[in-house]
Amino acid sequence: MFVRMLGLDNDPKDRQQAVVTLWEYSLGGKEYVDNIMRFSGTVNLIVNLLKSDSDSTCEAAAGLLRAISAINLYRDLVAESAAIEEMTLLLRRSHLSAEVKEQSICTLWNLSADEKVRVRITSSEILTLFVKFLEDEDLKVNEAAAVVLANLALSHSEHEVMIEAGVIPKLVRNRGLFL
């Protein structure tokens, strides 16, 4: 029922309540995520909610995508959706809560574990955002950004782009935060 409530034809408040409920439900683990993922199109409906003006809706959508992408079986499905692009747009917003940043960056953290997805994540635009998040006042946001950057650095083909974006000096300067 809650997956159906994510549909675009439903009231935005109903969609918000549905994604919050599904996110809380997904925290029960793989079996719960499996139940959510039984319905085709679920990921696309969740990704669409990242466009919301509501921080709580965006946090829940990103948190649900984080839970889904934490499971290897579903990681490609999330990566093949527009999640990376929508999260990049979301993270570019000037006024965003630390919770939304954390959930979004942690979803990208999960996705960056996959070599073929790293190339899609590594763009100068998103690298600039991650570098900025290394200086965020929220420690969870700092740590998540550092781990994503570390994962991206595992791809040798992306080193030049990372150097050009100024990633290495920022990671070195902030290493004390993560030791």
N, C-alpha and C. Protein backbone atom coordinates (compact mmCIF):
# COMPACT_ATOMS: atom_id res chain seq x y z
N MET A 1 0.81 -1.18 0.00
CA MET A 1 0.00 0.00 0.00
C MET A 1 0.87 1.27 0.00
N PHE A 2 1.94 1.30 0.82
CA PHE A 2 2.76 2.50 0.91
C PHE A 2 3.55 2.74 -0.38
N VAL A 3 3.96 1.67 -1.06
CA VAL A 3 4.67 1.85 -2.33
C VAL A 3 3.73 2.50 -3.34
N ARG A 4 2.46 2.07 -3.36
CA ARG A 4 1.49 2.68 -4.26
C ARG A 4 1.27 4.15 -3.94
N MET A 5 1.39 4.51 -2.68
CA MET A 5 1.19 5.90 -2.26
C MET A 5 2.33 6.81 -2.74
N LEU A 6 3.44 6.24 -3.19
CA LEU A 6 4.54 7.04 -3.72
C LEU A 6 4.23 7.59 -5.11
N GLY A 7 3.19 7.08 -5.73
CA GLY A 7 2.83 7.46 -7.10
C GLY A 7 2.63 8.94 -7.28
N LEU A 8 3.00 9.43 -8.45
CA LEU A 8 2.92 10.85 -8.78
C LEU A 8 1.51 11.42 -8.73
N ASP A 9 0.51 10.55 -8.87
CA ASP A 9 -0.87 11.01 -8.88
C ASP A 9 -1.44 11.20 -7.47
N ASN A 10 -0.65 10.90 -6.44
CA ASN A 10 -1.11 11.07 -5.07
C ASN A 10 -0.72 12.43 -4.52
N ASP A 11 -1.43 12.84 -3.49
CA ASP A 11 -1.18 14.11 -2.82
C ASP A 11 0.26 14.12 -2.27
N PRO A 12 0.98 15.24 -2.39
CA PRO A 12 2.36 15.31 -1.90
C PRO A 12 2.52 14.94 -0.43
N LYS A 13 1.54 15.27 0.40
CA LYS A 13 1.62 14.91 1.82
C LYS A 13 1.51 13.40 2.01
N ASP A 14 0.67 12.76 1.21
CA ASP A 14 0.55 11.30 1.28
C ASP A 14 1.85 10.64 0.81
N ARG A 15 2.44 11.20 -0.24
CA ARG A 15 3.71 10.67 -0.75
C ARG A 15 4.80 10.83 0.30
N GLN A 16 4.81 11.98 0.98
CA GLN A 16 5.81 12.21 2.02
C GLN A 16 5.64 11.20 3.15
N GLN A 17 4.42 11.01 3.61
CA GLN A 17 4.18 10.05 4.69
C GLN A 17 4.56 8.64 4.26
N ALA A 18 4.28 8.31 3.02
CA ALA A 18 4.61 6.96 2.53
C ALA A 18 6.11 6.74 2.50
N VAL A 19 6.88 7.71 2.02
CA VAL A 19 8.33 7.51 1.93
C VAL A 19 8.96 7.48 3.32
N VAL A 20 8.44 8.28 4.24
CA VAL A 20 8.95 8.25 5.62
C VAL A 20 8.68 6.89 6.24
N THR A 21 7.47 6.38 6.04
CA THR A 21 7.10 5.07 6.59
C THR A 21 7.95 3.96 5.98
N LEU A 22 8.12 4.00 4.66
CA LEU A 22 8.93 2.98 3.99
C LEU A 22 10.39 3.04 4.43
N TRP A 23 10.92 4.24 4.64
CA TRP A 23 12.30 4.38 5.11
C TRP A 23 12.45 3.74 6.49
N GLU A 24 11.52 4.05 7.39
CA GLU A 24 11.56 3.46 8.73
C GLU A 24 11.45 1.94 8.65
N TYR A 25 10.58 1.46 7.79
CA TYR A 25 10.39 0.03 7.58
C TYR A 25 11.67 -0.62 7.06
N SER A 26 12.36 0.06 6.12
CA SER A 26 13.57 -0.50 5.51
C SER A 26 14.70 -0.68 6.50
N LEU A 27 14.66 0.06 7.60
CA LEU A 27 15.72 -0.05 8.60
C LEU A 27 15.69 -1.39 9.32
N GLY A 28 14.65 -2.18 9.07
CA GLY A 28 14.57 -3.53 9.63
C GLY A 28 15.53 -4.51 8.99
N GLY A 29 16.13 -4.14 7.86
CA GLY A 29 17.12 -5.00 7.21
C GLY A 29 16.70 -5.51 5.85
N LYS A 30 17.49 -6.44 5.35
CA LYS A 30 17.34 -6.93 3.98
C LYS A 30 15.94 -7.48 3.69
N GLU A 31 15.40 -8.25 4.58
CA GLU A 31 14.07 -8.83 4.36
C GLU A 31 13.02 -7.74 4.13
N TYR A 32 13.14 -6.67 4.87
CA TYR A 32 12.18 -5.56 4.74
C TYR A 32 12.40 -4.82 3.42
N VAL A 33 13.65 -4.62 3.06
CA VAL A 33 13.96 -3.99 1.78
C VAL A 33 13.47 -4.88 0.64
N ASP A 34 13.67 -6.19 0.77
CA ASP A 34 13.16 -7.13 -0.25
C ASP A 34 11.66 -6.96 -0.45
N ASN A 35 10.92 -6.77 0.63
CA ASN A 35 9.47 -6.58 0.53
C ASN A 35 9.12 -5.30 -0.22
N ILE A 36 9.88 -4.26 0.02
CA ILE A 36 9.65 -2.99 -0.68
C ILE A 36 9.97 -3.14 -2.16
N MET A 37 11.03 -3.86 -2.46
CA MET A 37 11.52 -3.98 -3.83
C MET A 37 10.73 -4.97 -4.68
N ARG A 38 9.75 -5.62 -4.11
CA ARG A 38 8.92 -6.54 -4.89
C ARG A 38 8.10 -5.81 -5.96
N PHE A 39 7.96 -4.52 -5.82
CA PHE A 39 7.13 -3.75 -6.73
C PHE A 39 8.00 -3.03 -7.75
N SER A 40 7.72 -3.25 -9.03
CA SER A 40 8.53 -2.61 -10.06
C SER A 40 8.28 -1.10 -10.06
N GLY A 41 9.32 -0.37 -10.36
CA GLY A 41 9.21 1.08 -10.42
C GLY A 41 9.39 1.78 -9.09
N THR A 42 9.60 1.02 -8.03
CA THR A 42 9.73 1.62 -6.71
C THR A 42 10.89 2.61 -6.65
N VAL A 43 12.04 2.23 -7.17
CA VAL A 43 13.22 3.09 -7.10
C VAL A 43 12.95 4.40 -7.83
N ASN A 44 12.33 4.34 -9.00
CA ASN A 44 12.05 5.56 -9.76
C ASN A 44 11.09 6.49 -9.01
N LEU A 45 10.12 5.92 -8.33
CA LEU A 45 9.19 6.75 -7.54
C LEU A 45 9.92 7.42 -6.38
N ILE A 46 10.84 6.69 -5.77
CA ILE A 46 11.62 7.25 -4.66
C ILE A 46 12.54 8.35 -5.17
N VAL A 47 13.21 8.10 -6.26
CA VAL A 47 14.12 9.10 -6.85
C VAL A 47 13.35 10.38 -7.18
N ASN A 48 12.15 10.25 -7.67
CA ASN A 48 11.34 11.42 -7.99
C ASN A 48 11.10 12.29 -6.76
N LEU A 49 11.03 11.70 -5.60
CA LEU A 49 10.79 12.45 -4.36
C LEU A 49 12.00 13.28 -3.93
N LEU A 50 13.17 13.02 -4.51
CA LEU A 50 14.35 13.84 -4.21
C LEU A 50 14.18 15.27 -4.73
N LYS A 51 13.20 15.49 -5.59
CA LYS A 51 12.92 16.82 -6.13
C LYS A 51 12.06 17.66 -5.20
N SER A 52 11.58 17.07 -4.14
CA SER A 52 10.67 17.75 -3.23
C SER A 52 11.34 18.97 -2.58
N ASP A 53 10.53 19.94 -2.21
CA ASP A 53 11.01 21.11 -1.47
C ASP A 53 11.09 20.83 0.03
N SER A 54 10.54 19.71 0.45
CA SER A 54 10.52 19.35 1.87
C SER A 54 11.78 18.59 2.26
N ASP A 55 12.51 19.11 3.25
CA ASP A 55 13.70 18.42 3.73
C ASP A 55 13.38 17.03 4.26
N SER A 56 12.25 16.90 4.97
CA SER A 56 11.92 15.59 5.53
C SER A 56 11.62 14.57 4.44
N THR A 57 10.99 15.01 3.35
CA THR A 57 10.73 14.10 2.23
C THR A 57 12.04 13.71 1.56
N CYS A 58 12.92 14.68 1.33
CA CYS A 58 14.21 14.40 0.70
C CYS A 58 15.06 13.49 1.58
N GLU A 59 15.05 13.75 2.89
CA GLU A 59 15.82 12.91 3.80
C GLU A 59 15.32 11.48 3.78
N ALA A 60 14.01 11.30 3.82
CA ALA A 60 13.44 9.96 3.81
C ALA A 60 13.70 9.25 2.48
N ALA A 61 13.56 9.98 1.36
CA ALA A 61 13.82 9.37 0.05
C ALA A 61 15.28 8.96 -0.06
N ALA A 62 16.19 9.85 0.34
CA ALA A 62 17.62 9.53 0.28
C ALA A 62 17.96 8.40 1.26
N GLY A 63 17.33 8.42 2.43
CA GLY A 63 17.56 7.35 3.41
C GLY A 63 17.07 6.01 2.91
N LEU A 64 15.93 6.01 2.25
CA LEU A 64 15.40 4.76 1.69
C LEU A 64 16.31 4.26 0.56
N LEU A 65 16.78 5.17 -0.29
CA LEU A 65 17.73 4.77 -1.34
C LEU A 65 19.03 4.27 -0.74
N ARG A 66 19.43 4.85 0.38
CA ARG A 66 20.64 4.38 1.08
C ARG A 66 20.45 2.94 1.53
N ALA A 67 19.29 2.65 2.14
CA ALA A 67 19.01 1.28 2.61
C ALA A 67 18.96 0.30 1.45
N ILE A 68 18.34 0.71 0.36
CA ILE A 68 18.23 -0.16 -0.82
C ILE A 68 19.60 -0.40 -1.45
N SER A 69 20.38 0.67 -1.60
CA SER A 69 21.69 0.54 -2.26
C SER A 69 22.72 -0.16 -1.39
N ALA A 70 22.43 -0.32 -0.12
CA ALA A 70 23.34 -1.06 0.77
C ALA A 70 23.31 -2.56 0.48
N ILE A 71 22.30 -3.00 -0.25
CA ILE A 71 22.15 -4.42 -0.58
C ILE A 71 22.65 -4.63 -2.00
N ASN A 72 23.66 -5.47 -2.14
CA ASN A 72 24.30 -5.70 -3.44
C ASN A 72 23.31 -5.99 -4.56
N LEU A 73 22.30 -6.76 -4.26
CA LEU A 73 21.29 -7.16 -5.25
C LEU A 73 20.60 -5.97 -5.90
N TYR A 74 20.46 -4.87 -5.16
CA TYR A 74 19.72 -3.71 -5.65
C TYR A 74 20.60 -2.52 -6.02
N ARG A 75 21.88 -2.61 -5.75
CA ARG A 75 22.78 -1.48 -5.99
C ARG A 75 22.76 -1.04 -7.45
N ASP A 76 22.81 -1.99 -8.39
CA ASP A 76 22.79 -1.63 -9.81
C ASP A 76 21.47 -0.96 -10.20
N LEU A 77 20.38 -1.42 -9.64
CA LEU A 77 19.08 -0.83 -9.94
C LEU A 77 19.04 0.64 -9.53
N VAL A 78 19.59 0.94 -8.36
CA VAL A 78 19.64 2.34 -7.90
C VAL A 78 20.59 3.13 -8.80
N ALA A 79 21.74 2.55 -9.12
CA ALA A 79 22.73 3.23 -9.95
C ALA A 79 22.19 3.51 -11.36
N GLU A 80 21.38 2.61 -11.88
CA GLU A 80 20.85 2.77 -13.24
C GLU A 80 19.65 3.72 -13.30
N SER A 81 19.12 4.05 -12.15
CA SER A 81 18.04 5.04 -12.12
C SER A 81 18.69 6.42 -12.22
N ALA A 82 17.94 7.44 -12.04
CA ALA A 82 18.48 8.81 -12.08
C ALA A 82 18.93 9.28 -10.70
N ALA A 83 19.17 8.34 -9.78
CA ALA A 83 19.50 8.69 -8.40
C ALA A 83 20.77 9.54 -8.30
N ILE A 84 21.80 9.19 -9.03
CA ILE A 84 23.06 9.94 -8.95
C ILE A 84 22.84 11.38 -9.40
N GLU A 85 22.17 11.54 -10.51
CA GLU A 85 21.92 12.87 -11.04
C GLU A 85 21.01 13.69 -10.12
N GLU A 86 19.97 13.07 -9.62
CA GLU A 86 19.04 13.79 -8.73
C GLU A 86 19.71 14.14 -7.40
N MET A 87 20.55 13.25 -6.90
CA MET A 87 21.25 13.57 -5.65
C MET A 87 22.27 14.68 -5.86
N THR A 88 22.87 14.72 -7.02
CA THR A 88 23.79 15.81 -7.34
C THR A 88 23.04 17.13 -7.33
N LEU A 89 21.88 17.16 -7.96
CA LEU A 89 21.05 18.38 -7.96
C LEU A 89 20.61 18.74 -6.54
N LEU A 90 20.22 17.74 -5.79
CA LEU A 90 19.79 17.96 -4.41
C LEU A 90 20.93 18.55 -3.57
N LEU A 91 22.11 17.97 -3.68
CA LEU A 91 23.25 18.42 -2.88
C LEU A 91 23.73 19.81 -3.28
N ARG A 92 23.34 20.28 -4.43
CA ARG A 92 23.72 21.63 -4.88
C ARG A 92 22.84 22.71 -4.26
N ARG A 93 21.73 22.33 -3.65
CA ARG A 93 20.85 23.32 -3.03
C ARG A 93 21.60 24.06 -1.92
N SER A 94 21.35 25.34 -1.82
CA SER A 94 22.08 26.15 -0.84
C SER A 94 21.62 25.90 0.59
N HIS A 95 20.37 25.64 0.80
CA HIS A 95 19.85 25.41 2.15
C HIS A 95 19.38 23.97 2.25
N LEU A 96 20.22 23.16 2.86
CA LEU A 96 19.93 21.74 2.96
C LEU A 96 20.34 21.29 4.36
N SER A 97 19.49 20.54 5.01
CA SER A 97 19.81 20.08 6.36
C SER A 97 20.96 19.07 6.33
N ALA A 98 21.65 18.97 7.43
CA ALA A 98 22.75 18.00 7.55
C ALA A 98 22.24 16.58 7.36
N GLU A 99 21.02 16.31 7.78
CA GLU A 99 20.46 14.96 7.65
C GLU A 99 20.24 14.59 6.18
N VAL A 100 19.76 15.54 5.39
CA VAL A 100 19.56 15.27 3.96
C VAL A 100 20.92 15.05 3.29
N LYS A 101 21.89 15.89 3.63
CA LYS A 101 23.24 15.72 3.08
C LYS A 101 23.79 14.35 3.44
N GLU A 102 23.67 13.98 4.71
CA GLU A 102 24.23 12.70 5.16
C GLU A 102 23.60 11.53 4.42
N GLN A 103 22.28 11.49 4.34
CA GLN A 103 21.60 10.37 3.67
C GLN A 103 21.97 10.31 2.20
N SER A 104 22.02 11.45 1.55
CA SER A 104 22.36 11.49 0.12
C SER A 104 23.80 11.04 -0.12
N ILE A 105 24.71 11.59 0.66
CA ILE A 105 26.13 11.24 0.48
C ILE A 105 26.35 9.77 0.81
N CYS A 106 25.67 9.26 1.83
CA CYS A 106 25.84 7.84 2.17
C CYS A 106 25.28 6.92 1.09
N THR A 107 24.23 7.35 0.40
CA THR A 107 23.74 6.57 -0.74
C THR A 107 24.81 6.54 -1.82
N LEU A 108 25.42 7.69 -2.09
CA LEU A 108 26.50 7.75 -3.08
C LEU A 108 27.70 6.94 -2.60
N TRP A 109 27.91 6.88 -1.32
CA TRP A 109 28.97 6.05 -0.72
C TRP A 109 28.71 4.59 -1.10
N ASN A 110 27.48 4.13 -0.88
CA ASN A 110 27.14 2.75 -1.25
C ASN A 110 27.37 2.50 -2.73
N LEU A 111 26.92 3.44 -3.56
CA LEU A 111 27.05 3.27 -5.01
C LEU A 111 28.51 3.32 -5.45
N SER A 112 29.34 4.10 -4.77
CA SER A 112 30.74 4.24 -5.16
C SER A 112 31.57 3.01 -4.84
N ALA A 113 30.98 2.04 -4.18
CA ALA A 113 31.69 0.78 -3.93
C ALA A 113 31.87 -0.01 -5.23
N ASP A 114 31.07 0.30 -6.23
CA ASP A 114 31.09 -0.40 -7.52
C ASP A 114 31.96 0.37 -8.51
N GLU A 115 32.96 -0.30 -9.05
CA GLU A 115 33.92 0.31 -9.98
C GLU A 115 33.24 1.01 -11.15
N LYS A 116 32.27 0.35 -11.77
CA LYS A 116 31.67 0.94 -12.96
C LYS A 116 30.79 2.15 -12.64
N VAL A 117 30.34 2.26 -11.41
CA VAL A 117 29.51 3.39 -11.02
C VAL A 117 30.38 4.59 -10.64
N ARG A 118 31.59 4.34 -10.19
CA ARG A 118 32.48 5.44 -9.78
C ARG A 118 32.68 6.46 -10.88
N VAL A 119 32.80 5.99 -12.10
CA VAL A 119 33.03 6.90 -13.23
C VAL A 119 31.84 7.85 -13.37
N ARG A 120 30.64 7.35 -13.16
CA ARG A 120 29.45 8.20 -13.26
C ARG A 120 29.39 9.20 -12.12
N ILE A 121 29.89 8.81 -10.97
CA ILE A 121 29.87 9.71 -9.81
C ILE A 121 30.96 10.75 -9.92
N THR A 122 32.07 10.38 -10.52
CA THR A 122 33.21 11.29 -10.59
C THR A 122 33.01 12.29 -11.71
N SER A 123 32.52 13.42 -11.33
CA SER A 123 32.44 14.56 -12.25
C SER A 123 32.96 15.75 -11.47
N SER A 124 33.47 16.72 -12.15
CA SER A 124 34.04 17.86 -11.43
C SER A 124 32.98 18.55 -10.57
N GLU A 125 31.74 18.54 -11.04
CA GLU A 125 30.67 19.18 -10.28
C GLU A 125 30.46 18.51 -8.92
N ILE A 126 30.36 17.21 -8.93
CA ILE A 126 30.10 16.51 -7.67
C ILE A 126 31.36 16.46 -6.81
N LEU A 127 32.51 16.38 -7.43
CA LEU A 127 33.75 16.41 -6.65
C LEU A 127 33.88 17.71 -5.88
N THR A 128 33.51 18.81 -6.52
CA THR A 128 33.54 20.11 -5.86
C THR A 128 32.61 20.11 -4.65
N LEU A 129 31.46 19.49 -4.79
CA LEU A 129 30.53 19.39 -3.66
C LEU A 129 31.13 18.58 -2.52
N PHE A 130 31.73 17.43 -2.85
CA PHE A 130 32.33 16.59 -1.81
C PHE A 130 33.46 17.32 -1.09
N VAL A 131 34.26 18.06 -1.84
CA VAL A 131 35.34 18.85 -1.23
C VAL A 131 34.73 19.87 -0.27
N LYS A 132 33.65 20.51 -0.69
CA LYS A 132 32.97 21.48 0.19
C LYS A 132 32.44 20.79 1.44
N PHE A 133 31.91 19.57 1.28
CA PHE A 133 31.35 18.85 2.43
C PHE A 133 32.42 18.37 3.40
N LEU A 134 33.67 18.33 2.97
CA LEU A 134 34.76 18.00 3.90
C LEU A 134 34.89 19.08 4.98
N GLU A 135 34.37 20.26 4.69
CA GLU A 135 34.44 21.37 5.63
C GLU A 135 33.08 21.67 6.28
N ASP A 136 32.11 20.81 6.08
CA ASP A 136 30.79 21.00 6.66
C ASP A 136 30.89 20.93 8.18
N GLU A 137 30.04 21.66 8.85
CA GLU A 137 30.11 21.68 10.31
C GLU A 137 29.61 20.38 10.94
N ASP A 138 28.92 19.55 10.19
CA ASP A 138 28.43 18.27 10.71
C ASP A 138 29.46 17.17 10.44
N LEU A 139 29.94 16.52 11.48
CA LEU A 139 30.98 15.51 11.36
C LEU A 139 30.54 14.31 10.51
N LYS A 140 29.27 13.92 10.59
CA LYS A 140 28.78 12.79 9.79
C LYS A 140 28.85 13.11 8.30
N VAL A 141 28.56 14.35 7.95
CA VAL A 141 28.66 14.78 6.56
C VAL A 141 30.11 14.76 6.12
N ASN A 142 31.03 15.26 6.98
CA ASN A 142 32.47 15.23 6.68
C ASN A 142 32.95 13.82 6.40
N GLU A 143 32.61 12.92 7.31
CA GLU A 143 33.08 11.54 7.19
C GLU A 143 32.53 10.86 5.94
N ALA A 144 31.25 11.05 5.68
CA ALA A 144 30.64 10.42 4.50
C ALA A 144 31.30 10.93 3.22
N ALA A 145 31.52 12.24 3.15
CA ALA A 145 32.17 12.82 1.96
C ALA A 145 33.57 12.26 1.80
N ALA A 146 34.31 12.13 2.89
CA ALA A 146 35.67 11.60 2.83
C ALA A 146 35.69 10.15 2.34
N VAL A 147 34.73 9.36 2.78
CA VAL A 147 34.69 7.95 2.36
C VAL A 147 34.33 7.84 0.88
N VAL A 148 33.39 8.65 0.42
CA VAL A 148 33.06 8.63 -1.01
C VAL A 148 34.29 9.00 -1.82
N LEU A 149 34.99 10.05 -1.40
CA LEU A 149 36.20 10.48 -2.13
C LEU A 149 37.26 9.38 -2.10
N ALA A 150 37.39 8.71 -0.97
CA ALA A 150 38.36 7.60 -0.88
C ALA A 150 37.97 6.47 -1.83
N ASN A 151 36.68 6.16 -1.90
CA ASN A 151 36.21 5.13 -2.84
C ASN A 151 36.48 5.55 -4.28
N LEU A 152 36.22 6.81 -4.58
CA LEU A 152 36.44 7.29 -5.95
C LEU A 152 37.93 7.23 -6.30
N ALA A 153 38.78 7.46 -5.32
CA ALA A 153 40.22 7.42 -5.55
C ALA A 153 40.71 6.01 -5.88
N LEU A 154 39.91 5.00 -5.62
CA LEU A 154 40.29 3.63 -5.95
C LEU A 154 40.33 3.40 -7.46
N SER A 155 39.66 4.25 -8.22
CA SER A 155 39.67 4.14 -9.68
C SER A 155 40.81 4.98 -10.23
N HIS A 156 41.84 4.33 -10.69
CA HIS A 156 43.02 5.04 -11.21
C HIS A 156 42.67 5.98 -12.37
N SER A 157 41.68 5.61 -13.14
CA SER A 157 41.30 6.44 -14.28
C SER A 157 40.72 7.78 -13.86
N GLU A 158 40.33 7.91 -12.62
CA GLU A 158 39.70 9.14 -12.13
C GLU A 158 40.66 10.04 -11.36
N HIS A 159 41.91 9.62 -11.20
CA HIS A 159 42.87 10.39 -10.40
C HIS A 159 43.08 11.80 -10.93
N GLU A 160 43.22 11.94 -12.23
CA GLU A 160 43.49 13.26 -12.80
C GLU A 160 42.34 14.23 -12.52
N VAL A 161 41.11 13.75 -12.68
CA VAL A 161 39.94 14.59 -12.42
C VAL A 161 39.91 14.99 -10.94
N MET A 162 40.25 14.06 -10.06
CA MET A 162 40.24 14.35 -8.63
C MET A 162 41.33 15.36 -8.27
N ILE A 163 42.47 15.26 -8.89
CA ILE A 163 43.56 16.21 -8.63
C ILE A 163 43.15 17.60 -9.10
N GLU A 164 42.57 17.67 -10.30
CA GLU A 164 42.12 18.94 -10.86
C GLU A 164 41.05 19.60 -9.99
N ALA A 165 40.23 18.79 -9.33
CA ALA A 165 39.16 19.32 -8.48
C ALA A 165 39.67 19.71 -7.09
N GLY A 166 40.95 19.47 -6.81
CA GLY A 166 41.52 19.85 -5.52
C GLY A 166 41.18 18.91 -4.38
N VAL A 167 40.86 17.67 -4.69
CA VAL A 167 40.45 16.71 -3.68
C VAL A 167 41.60 16.33 -2.75
N ILE A 168 42.76 16.03 -3.30
CA ILE A 168 43.86 15.48 -2.51
C ILE A 168 44.30 16.44 -1.39
N PRO A 169 44.57 17.71 -1.67
CA PRO A 169 44.97 18.60 -0.58
C PRO A 169 43.93 18.71 0.54
N LYS A 170 42.65 18.72 0.16
CA LYS A 170 41.58 18.81 1.16
C LYS A 170 41.52 17.55 2.02
N LEU A 171 41.69 16.39 1.40
CA LEU A 171 41.70 15.15 2.18
C LEU A 171 42.88 15.13 3.13
N VAL A 172 44.05 15.56 2.67
CA VAL A 172 45.24 15.58 3.51
C VAL A 172 45.04 16.55 4.67
N ARG A 173 44.50 17.73 4.41
CA ARG A 173 44.27 18.74 5.45
C ARG A 173 43.27 18.26 6.49
N ASN A 174 42.30 17.49 6.07
CA ASN A 174 41.25 17.04 6.98
C ASN A 174 41.47 15.64 7.54
N ARG A 175 42.62 15.07 7.28
CA ARG A 175 42.82 13.67 7.70
C ARG A 175 42.69 13.49 9.19
N GLY A 176 42.98 14.49 9.99
CA GLY A 176 42.86 14.38 11.44
C GLY A 176 41.44 14.09 11.89
N LEU A 177 40.47 14.55 11.10
CA LEU A 177 39.06 14.31 11.45
C LEU A 177 38.71 12.83 11.35
N PHE A 178 39.45 12.09 10.53
CA PHE A 178 39.01 10.72 10.21
C PHE A 178 39.93 9.65 10.76
N LEU A 179 40.94 10.05 11.53
CA LEU A 179 41.85 9.06 12.11
C LEU A 179 41.35 8.57 13.45
